[in-house]
Amino acid sequence: MGIEIVPAVVILISCSLGMLLYYKNNNLRIYNYLRLLNYHDF
């Protein structure tokens, strides 16, 4: 029963870690882009 659950857990953890690393790497760029948009709005 536990053997079938392990691959799903590994895939879930790897996907969440990948998204976390991607978000942390692009956080500043996204923040600057949003700040630029807000600056142009106001």
N, C-alpha and C. Protein backbone atom coordinates (compact mmCIF):
# COMPACT_ATOMS: atom_id res chain seq x y z
N MET A 1 0.84 -1.20 0.00
CA MET A 1 0.00 0.00 0.00
C MET A 1 0.87 1.25 0.00
N GLY A 2 1.93 1.24 0.81
CA GLY A 2 2.80 2.41 0.86
C GLY A 2 3.66 2.55 -0.38
N ILE A 3 3.90 1.43 -1.08
CA ILE A 3 4.78 1.47 -2.25
C ILE A 3 4.13 2.26 -3.39
N GLU A 4 2.80 2.20 -3.51
CA GLU A 4 2.14 2.94 -4.58
C GLU A 4 2.08 4.44 -4.27
N ILE A 5 2.11 4.78 -2.98
CA ILE A 5 1.99 6.19 -2.58
C ILE A 5 3.31 6.93 -2.76
N VAL A 6 4.42 6.22 -2.62
CA VAL A 6 5.74 6.87 -2.66
C VAL A 6 6.00 7.66 -3.95
N PRO A 7 5.76 7.11 -5.16
CA PRO A 7 6.03 7.91 -6.36
C PRO A 7 5.22 9.19 -6.44
N ALA A 8 3.96 9.15 -6.03
CA ALA A 8 3.12 10.35 -6.06
C ALA A 8 3.67 11.40 -5.10
N VAL A 9 4.12 10.97 -3.92
CA VAL A 9 4.67 11.90 -2.94
C VAL A 9 5.97 12.52 -3.46
N VAL A 10 6.81 11.69 -4.08
CA VAL A 10 8.09 12.19 -4.62
C VAL A 10 7.83 13.21 -5.73
N ILE A 11 6.88 12.92 -6.61
CA ILE A 11 6.55 13.84 -7.70
C ILE A 11 6.00 15.14 -7.14
N LEU A 12 5.12 15.03 -6.15
CA LEU A 12 4.52 16.22 -5.55
C LEU A 12 5.58 17.10 -4.89
N ILE A 13 6.49 16.48 -4.14
CA ILE A 13 7.54 17.24 -3.45
C ILE A 13 8.48 17.89 -4.46
N SER A 14 8.86 17.15 -5.50
CA SER A 14 9.78 17.70 -6.49
C SER A 14 9.12 18.86 -7.25
N CYS A 15 7.84 18.73 -7.57
CA CYS A 15 7.14 19.80 -8.27
C CYS A 15 7.04 21.04 -7.38
N SER A 16 6.71 20.85 -6.11
CA SER A 16 6.58 21.99 -5.21
C SER A 16 7.93 22.66 -4.98
N LEU A 17 9.00 21.87 -4.88
CA LEU A 17 10.34 22.45 -4.72
C LEU A 17 10.74 23.22 -5.97
N GLY A 18 10.43 22.68 -7.14
CA GLY A 18 10.75 23.36 -8.38
C GLY A 18 10.02 24.69 -8.49
N MET A 19 8.73 24.71 -8.13
CA MET A 19 7.97 25.94 -8.17
C MET A 19 8.51 26.95 -7.17
N LEU A 20 8.93 26.45 -5.98
CA LEU A 20 9.46 27.35 -4.95
C LEU A 20 10.75 28.00 -5.42
N LEU A 21 11.65 27.20 -6.00
CA LEU A 21 12.91 27.74 -6.50
C LEU A 21 12.66 28.71 -7.65
N TYR A 22 11.73 28.38 -8.53
CA TYR A 22 11.41 29.25 -9.66
C TYR A 22 10.86 30.58 -9.15
N TYR A 23 9.98 30.51 -8.13
CA TYR A 23 9.39 31.72 -7.58
C TYR A 23 10.45 32.58 -6.89
N LYS A 24 11.36 31.94 -6.13
CA LYS A 24 12.38 32.71 -5.43
C LYS A 24 13.35 33.35 -6.41
N ASN A 25 13.64 32.68 -7.53
CA ASN A 25 14.57 33.24 -8.51
C ASN A 25 13.94 34.41 -9.27
N ASN A 26 12.64 34.33 -9.53
CA ASN A 26 11.98 35.37 -10.32
C ASN A 26 11.22 36.38 -9.47
N ASN A 27 11.38 36.29 -8.13
CA ASN A 27 10.61 37.15 -7.25
C ASN A 27 10.95 38.62 -7.47
N LEU A 28 12.24 38.94 -7.54
CA LEU A 28 12.64 40.34 -7.71
C LEU A 28 12.20 40.88 -9.06
N ARG A 29 12.33 40.07 -10.10
CA ARG A 29 11.95 40.54 -11.43
C ARG A 29 10.45 40.81 -11.49
N ILE A 30 9.65 39.91 -10.91
CA ILE A 30 8.19 40.09 -10.90
C ILE A 30 7.83 41.32 -10.07
N TYR A 31 8.52 41.50 -8.93
CA TYR A 31 8.24 42.65 -8.05
C TYR A 31 8.55 43.96 -8.77
N ASN A 32 9.70 44.01 -9.45
CA ASN A 32 10.06 45.22 -10.18
C ASN A 32 9.07 45.50 -11.31
N TYR A 33 8.63 44.45 -11.99
CA TYR A 33 7.68 44.61 -13.09
C TYR A 33 6.34 45.14 -12.58
N LEU A 34 5.86 44.58 -11.44
CA LEU A 34 4.60 45.05 -10.87
C LEU A 34 4.74 46.48 -10.37
N ARG A 35 5.90 46.81 -9.80
CA ARG A 35 6.12 48.16 -9.31
C ARG A 35 6.13 49.15 -10.48
N LEU A 36 6.70 48.72 -11.61
CA LEU A 36 6.72 49.55 -12.81
C LEU A 36 5.29 49.79 -13.31
N LEU A 37 4.47 48.72 -13.29
CA LEU A 37 3.08 48.86 -13.73
C LEU A 37 2.32 49.80 -12.79
N ASN A 38 2.55 49.66 -11.48
CA ASN A 38 1.86 50.52 -10.53
C ASN A 38 2.30 51.97 -10.70
N TYR A 39 3.58 52.16 -10.99
CA TYR A 39 4.10 53.52 -11.20
C TYR A 39 3.44 54.16 -12.42
N HIS A 40 3.25 53.38 -13.48
CA HIS A 40 2.61 53.92 -14.68
C HIS A 40 1.12 54.15 -14.45
N ASP A 41 0.50 53.36 -13.58
CA ASP A 41 -0.93 53.54 -13.31
C ASP A 41 -1.16 54.85 -12.56
N PHE A 42 -0.30 55.13 -11.58
CA PHE A 42 -0.49 56.34 -10.79
C PHE A 42 0.35 57.47 -11.38
